[in-house]
Amino acid sequence: MTACFNMSPPPTLAPDPELRSALLEYYLKYATSAELTDWLRNIGQETKGTVDEKRARIRAHTQYLTMPSAAFPDQTLYYLEIYSAAEHLEGICETLRLDPHGTRDMRWRRIMREIGFREGWLSRPPPSPLAEASFLTELVRPFVEWHIVGARSNYEKGFYQGFYDDMAEIFGESYVHDELPIASGTTLKIDFHLGHPQRAGVGIEFKMPSNNADLQRALGQMDQYQARYGENLLVVLFPDLIDKAKETLFIDKLSEKGIAVIVK
């Protein structure tokens, strides 16, 4: 899985030494001699020696424990690429006292979400059950921005399941609804509704346009979505199939309408 974060760091970031140390020790414990050699080479250190010597040299020279908080999530994603086997992710979840069950992607996102909580990127949501009044953009948007997309898909629907699983784990399945009609008597559906299905909530619409016709159709739908959700509407854009100029134009048009766009 190749992913990165593109959200702006909040002002409350602070390193969590216990978290960082636990992750580093896990990486070192399960890294092979060849992986330790590559690690040492990447940080400009001598690569020869026993496994224990290599581990000690990495501990002495790695910047992982002290790197700026803004760089820590992406560096952790890089390491998780190496330790992406299901048993490794299960072990990291257990090390961090997280639920070790679920698919590989669920464990992967769970680990990264815990990093978001403990390093100050995310605020933990209120205890379940959430009050319906809590479902506003202010609560939901950071988690949508933090949601990690792993393998890319050629189709918009290919991104749905991972997002649903992530949001359901955060907010509870009873508050996450997919393909919900935006009003009685209409065939237009929002991709995701967070909150009570018949009451106020946050609407999240995925868009993966491939041409101008798709862009114009998407813009045409937005007035109806906005009439339902107002300021609590988020568009998640997957720009894989359009050029940068079309991406910029689409974002600008939505910004003119006061609609927030999150690019994945």
Protein backbone atom coordinates (compact mmCIF):
# COMPACT_ATOMS: atom_id res chain seq x y z
CA MET A 1 0.00 0.00 0.00
CA THR A 2 1.39 3.38 -0.93
CA ALA A 3 -0.22 6.36 0.78
CA CYS A 4 0.61 9.67 2.34
CA PHE A 5 -1.06 12.43 4.29
CA ASN A 6 -1.96 15.76 2.72
CA MET A 7 -3.75 17.41 5.62
CA SER A 8 -2.25 20.49 7.27
CA PRO A 9 -0.72 19.85 10.71
CA PRO A 10 -2.87 21.24 13.56
CA PRO A 11 -1.24 23.51 16.15
CA THR A 12 -1.49 20.89 18.92
CA LEU A 13 1.05 18.35 17.62
CA ALA A 14 3.35 16.81 20.20
CA PRO A 15 5.55 13.70 20.01
CA ASP A 16 4.47 10.69 22.05
CA PRO A 17 7.77 9.08 23.19
CA GLU A 18 6.10 5.91 24.50
CA LEU A 19 4.27 5.35 21.22
CA ARG A 20 7.36 5.97 19.10
CA SER A 21 9.55 3.73 21.22
CA ALA A 22 7.01 0.87 21.12
CA LEU A 23 6.79 1.06 17.33
CA LEU A 24 10.55 1.25 16.87
CA GLU A 25 11.17 -1.76 19.08
CA TYR A 26 8.59 -3.77 17.18
CA TYR A 27 10.20 -2.92 13.84
CA LEU A 28 13.64 -3.86 15.17
CA LYS A 29 12.44 -7.10 16.73
CA TYR A 30 10.90 -8.47 13.54
CA ALA A 31 13.18 -6.99 10.87
CA THR A 32 15.40 -9.48 9.07
CA SER A 33 19.15 -8.98 8.89
CA ALA A 34 18.79 -7.83 5.26
CA GLU A 35 16.09 -5.31 6.24
CA LEU A 36 18.28 -3.97 9.04
CA THR A 37 21.12 -3.60 6.56
CA ASP A 38 18.89 -1.59 4.22
CA TRP A 39 17.75 0.54 7.15
CA LEU A 40 21.33 1.32 8.15
CA ARG A 41 22.25 2.13 4.58
CA ASN A 42 19.29 4.54 4.34
CA ILE A 43 20.46 6.45 7.44
CA GLY A 44 24.08 6.50 6.35
CA GLN A 45 25.51 4.07 8.88
CA GLU A 46 27.83 1.05 8.76
CA THR A 47 25.88 -2.01 7.58
CA LYS A 48 28.13 -4.83 8.81
CA GLY A 49 27.79 -6.79 12.03
CA THR A 50 25.44 -9.15 13.82
CA VAL A 51 21.71 -8.60 14.03
CA ASP A 52 22.04 -7.31 17.59
CA GLU A 53 24.80 -4.93 16.54
CA LYS A 54 22.70 -3.62 13.67
CA ARG A 55 19.74 -3.07 15.99
CA ALA A 56 21.91 -1.18 18.47
CA ARG A 57 23.34 1.00 15.69
CA ILE A 58 19.86 1.85 14.44
CA ARG A 59 18.72 2.77 17.96
CA ALA A 60 21.71 5.06 18.30
CA HIS A 61 21.27 6.85 14.99
CA THR A 62 17.62 6.74 13.94
CA GLN A 63 15.71 10.00 13.91
CA TYR A 64 12.40 8.16 14.28
CA LEU A 65 12.09 8.93 17.99
CA THR A 66 12.80 12.65 17.67
CA MET A 67 11.63 13.59 14.17
CA PRO A 68 9.16 16.48 13.83
CA SER A 69 5.57 15.44 14.47
CA ALA A 70 4.52 16.64 11.02
CA ALA A 71 6.82 14.04 9.40
CA PHE A 72 6.10 11.14 11.75
CA PRO A 73 2.89 9.73 10.18
CA ASP A 74 4.38 9.43 6.68
CA GLN A 75 7.55 7.84 8.06
CA THR A 76 5.41 5.34 9.96
CA LEU A 77 3.47 4.54 6.80
CA TYR A 78 6.79 3.83 5.10
CA TYR A 79 7.73 1.35 7.82
CA LEU A 80 4.28 -0.26 7.76
CA GLU A 81 4.81 -0.95 4.06
CA ILE A 82 7.62 -3.27 5.17
CA TYR A 83 5.62 -4.84 7.99
CA SER A 84 2.38 -5.18 6.05
CA ALA A 85 1.84 -8.91 6.59
CA ALA A 86 -1.34 -9.63 8.53
CA GLU A 87 0.54 -11.15 11.49
CA HIS A 88 2.82 -8.12 11.79
CA LEU A 89 -0.08 -5.68 11.78
CA GLU A 90 -1.86 -7.85 14.33
CA GLY A 91 1.26 -7.76 16.50
CA ILE A 92 1.55 -3.98 16.26
CA CYS A 93 -2.12 -3.63 17.22
CA GLU A 94 -1.51 -5.78 20.28
CA THR A 95 1.61 -3.76 21.15
CA LEU A 96 -0.45 -0.56 21.06
CA ARG A 97 -3.36 -2.22 22.94
CA LEU A 98 -5.68 -1.98 19.96
CA ASP A 99 -8.21 -4.48 18.64
CA PRO A 100 -6.09 -6.93 16.58
CA HIS A 101 -9.01 -8.38 14.62
CA GLY A 102 -10.27 -7.54 11.15
CA THR A 103 -8.78 -7.32 7.70
CA ARG A 104 -5.23 -6.19 7.02
CA ASP A 105 -6.51 -2.79 5.85
CA MET A 106 -8.62 -2.34 8.99
CA ARG A 107 -5.61 -3.06 11.22
CA TRP A 108 -3.42 -0.76 9.14
CA ARG A 109 -5.87 2.13 9.43
CA ARG A 110 -6.44 1.42 13.12
CA ILE A 111 -2.73 1.74 13.82
CA MET A 112 -2.48 5.00 11.90
CA ARG A 113 -5.57 6.39 13.60
CA GLU A 114 -4.02 5.68 17.01
CA ILE A 115 -0.95 7.59 15.89
CA GLY A 116 -3.25 10.45 14.90
CA PHE A 117 -4.81 10.46 18.37
CA ARG A 118 -1.58 10.17 20.34
CA GLU A 119 0.48 12.60 18.28
CA GLY A 120 -2.23 15.28 18.30
CA TRP A 121 -3.56 15.12 14.73
CA LEU A 122 -6.98 13.86 15.80
CA SER A 123 -9.28 14.32 18.79
CA ARG A 124 -10.97 11.16 19.98
CA PRO A 125 -14.70 11.26 19.23
CA PRO A 126 -17.16 11.36 22.12
CA PRO A 127 -18.00 7.99 23.68
CA SER A 128 -20.61 5.96 21.81
CA PRO A 129 -23.48 6.43 21.41
CA LEU A 130 -22.78 9.85 19.92
CA ALA A 131 -25.35 12.59 20.27
CA GLU A 132 -26.98 13.24 16.92
CA ALA A 133 -26.12 16.91 17.28
CA SER A 134 -22.43 15.94 17.22
CA PHE A 135 -22.51 15.09 13.52
CA LEU A 136 -21.16 18.30 12.07
CA THR A 137 -18.30 18.97 9.69
CA GLU A 138 -16.07 19.97 12.61
CA LEU A 139 -16.26 16.44 14.03
CA VAL A 140 -16.20 14.43 10.82
CA ARG A 141 -13.82 16.27 8.49
CA PRO A 142 -10.54 15.46 10.31
CA PHE A 143 -11.33 11.74 10.11
CA VAL A 144 -12.19 11.98 6.40
CA GLU A 145 -8.91 13.81 5.79
CA TRP A 146 -7.01 11.25 7.86
CA HIS A 147 -8.62 8.28 6.07
CA ILE A 148 -5.85 6.47 4.22
CA VAL A 149 -6.37 5.20 0.71
CA GLY A 150 -4.10 2.26 -0.04
CA ALA A 151 -4.35 0.50 -3.37
CA ARG A 152 -5.79 2.77 -6.04
CA SER A 153 -8.88 1.72 -7.95
CA ASN A 154 -10.00 2.55 -11.48
CA TYR A 155 -13.54 2.94 -10.19
CA GLU A 156 -15.05 5.23 -7.57
CA LYS A 157 -16.88 2.37 -5.90
CA GLY A 158 -13.56 0.64 -5.33
CA PHE A 159 -12.89 3.14 -2.54
CA TYR A 160 -16.24 2.71 -0.78
CA GLN A 161 -15.70 -0.36 1.42
CA GLY A 162 -12.50 0.83 3.06
CA PHE A 163 -14.08 4.19 3.85
CA TYR A 164 -17.24 2.59 5.22
CA ASP A 165 -15.24 0.25 7.46
CA ASP A 166 -13.15 3.15 8.75
CA MET A 167 -16.07 5.45 9.53
CA ALA A 168 -18.13 2.62 11.08
CA GLU A 169 -15.26 1.78 13.41
CA ILE A 170 -14.92 5.42 14.45
CA PHE A 171 -18.56 6.44 14.79
CA GLY A 172 -20.50 3.16 14.97
CA GLU A 173 -22.34 1.32 12.20
CA SER A 174 -25.71 2.78 13.18
CA TYR A 175 -24.45 6.24 12.23
CA VAL A 176 -22.86 5.40 8.86
CA HIS A 177 -25.20 5.00 5.89
CA ASP A 178 -24.23 4.50 2.27
CA GLU A 179 -26.26 5.35 -0.86
CA LEU A 180 -28.86 7.31 1.13
CA PRO A 181 -31.54 9.23 -0.86
CA ILE A 182 -31.12 12.91 -0.09
CA ALA A 183 -34.87 13.57 -0.01
CA SER A 184 -38.17 11.76 -0.26
CA GLY A 185 -39.17 11.12 -3.84
CA THR A 186 -35.73 11.71 -5.35
CA THR A 187 -33.44 9.18 -6.99
CA LEU A 188 -30.32 11.19 -6.14
CA LYS A 189 -28.33 9.53 -3.36
CA ILE A 190 -25.41 10.71 -1.27
CA ASP A 191 -22.54 8.25 -1.15
CA PHE A 192 -22.28 8.43 2.65
CA HIS A 193 -24.43 10.00 5.34
CA LEU A 194 -22.98 10.20 8.86
CA GLY A 195 -25.60 10.63 11.55
CA HIS A 196 -29.23 9.60 11.97
CA PRO A 197 -30.52 8.77 8.46
CA GLN A 198 -33.66 10.91 8.74
CA ARG A 199 -32.08 13.84 10.52
CA ALA A 200 -29.25 16.32 10.20
CA GLY A 201 -25.84 14.82 9.54
CA VAL A 202 -22.78 15.12 7.36
CA GLY A 203 -23.02 14.20 3.69
CA ILE A 204 -19.92 12.81 2.00
CA GLU A 205 -19.89 12.50 -1.77
CA PHE A 206 -17.09 10.69 -3.61
CA LYS A 207 -16.18 11.90 -7.09
CA MET A 208 -13.80 10.29 -9.58
CA PRO A 209 -14.46 12.15 -12.84
CA SER A 210 -12.81 11.01 -16.04
CA ASN A 211 -13.84 13.78 -18.45
CA ASN A 212 -15.56 17.17 -18.73
CA ALA A 213 -19.01 15.59 -18.89
CA ASP A 214 -18.42 13.90 -15.53
CA LEU A 215 -17.23 17.18 -14.04
CA GLN A 216 -20.25 19.11 -15.27
CA ARG A 217 -22.63 16.40 -14.09
CA ALA A 218 -21.01 16.43 -10.65
CA LEU A 219 -21.26 20.21 -10.40
CA GLY A 220 -24.91 20.03 -11.41
CA GLN A 221 -25.69 17.66 -8.54
CA MET A 222 -24.10 19.85 -5.90
CA ASP A 223 -26.98 22.32 -5.52
CA GLN A 224 -29.25 19.44 -4.48
CA TYR A 225 -26.68 17.99 -2.11
CA GLN A 226 -26.07 21.42 -0.62
CA ALA A 227 -29.78 22.04 -0.17
CA ARG A 228 -29.87 18.90 2.00
CA TYR A 229 -26.63 19.34 3.95
CA GLY A 230 -25.68 23.01 3.81
CA GLU A 231 -22.24 23.51 5.36
CA ASN A 232 -22.13 19.85 6.38
CA LEU A 233 -21.28 18.60 2.89
CA LEU A 234 -17.87 17.21 2.00
CA VAL A 235 -16.68 16.15 -1.44
CA VAL A 236 -13.89 13.59 -1.60
CA LEU A 237 -12.12 13.90 -4.95
CA PHE A 238 -10.08 11.14 -6.59
CA PRO A 239 -8.32 12.98 -9.45
CA ASP A 240 -6.58 9.95 -10.94
CA LEU A 241 -8.34 10.19 -14.33
CA ILE A 242 -8.18 13.95 -14.96
CA ASP A 243 -5.33 16.38 -15.47
CA LYS A 244 -4.27 19.01 -12.95
CA ALA A 245 -6.04 21.84 -14.78
CA LYS A 246 -9.41 20.06 -14.61
CA GLU A 247 -8.81 19.15 -10.97
CA THR A 248 -8.10 22.78 -10.10
CA LEU A 249 -11.13 24.02 -12.02
CA PHE A 250 -13.42 21.52 -10.27
CA ILE A 251 -12.12 22.47 -6.82
CA ASP A 252 -12.46 26.17 -7.61
CA LYS A 253 -16.08 25.74 -8.75
CA LEU A 254 -16.96 23.87 -5.57
CA SER A 255 -15.17 26.48 -3.46
CA GLU A 256 -17.34 29.16 -5.08
CA LYS A 257 -20.34 27.23 -3.79
CA GLY A 258 -18.80 27.02 -0.32
CA ILE A 259 -18.28 23.25 -0.54
CA ALA A 260 -15.21 21.72 1.08
CA VAL A 261 -13.13 19.37 -1.07
CA ILE A 262 -10.75 16.71 0.22
CA VAL A 263 -8.36 15.35 -2.40
CA LYS A 264 -7.21 11.74 -2.11
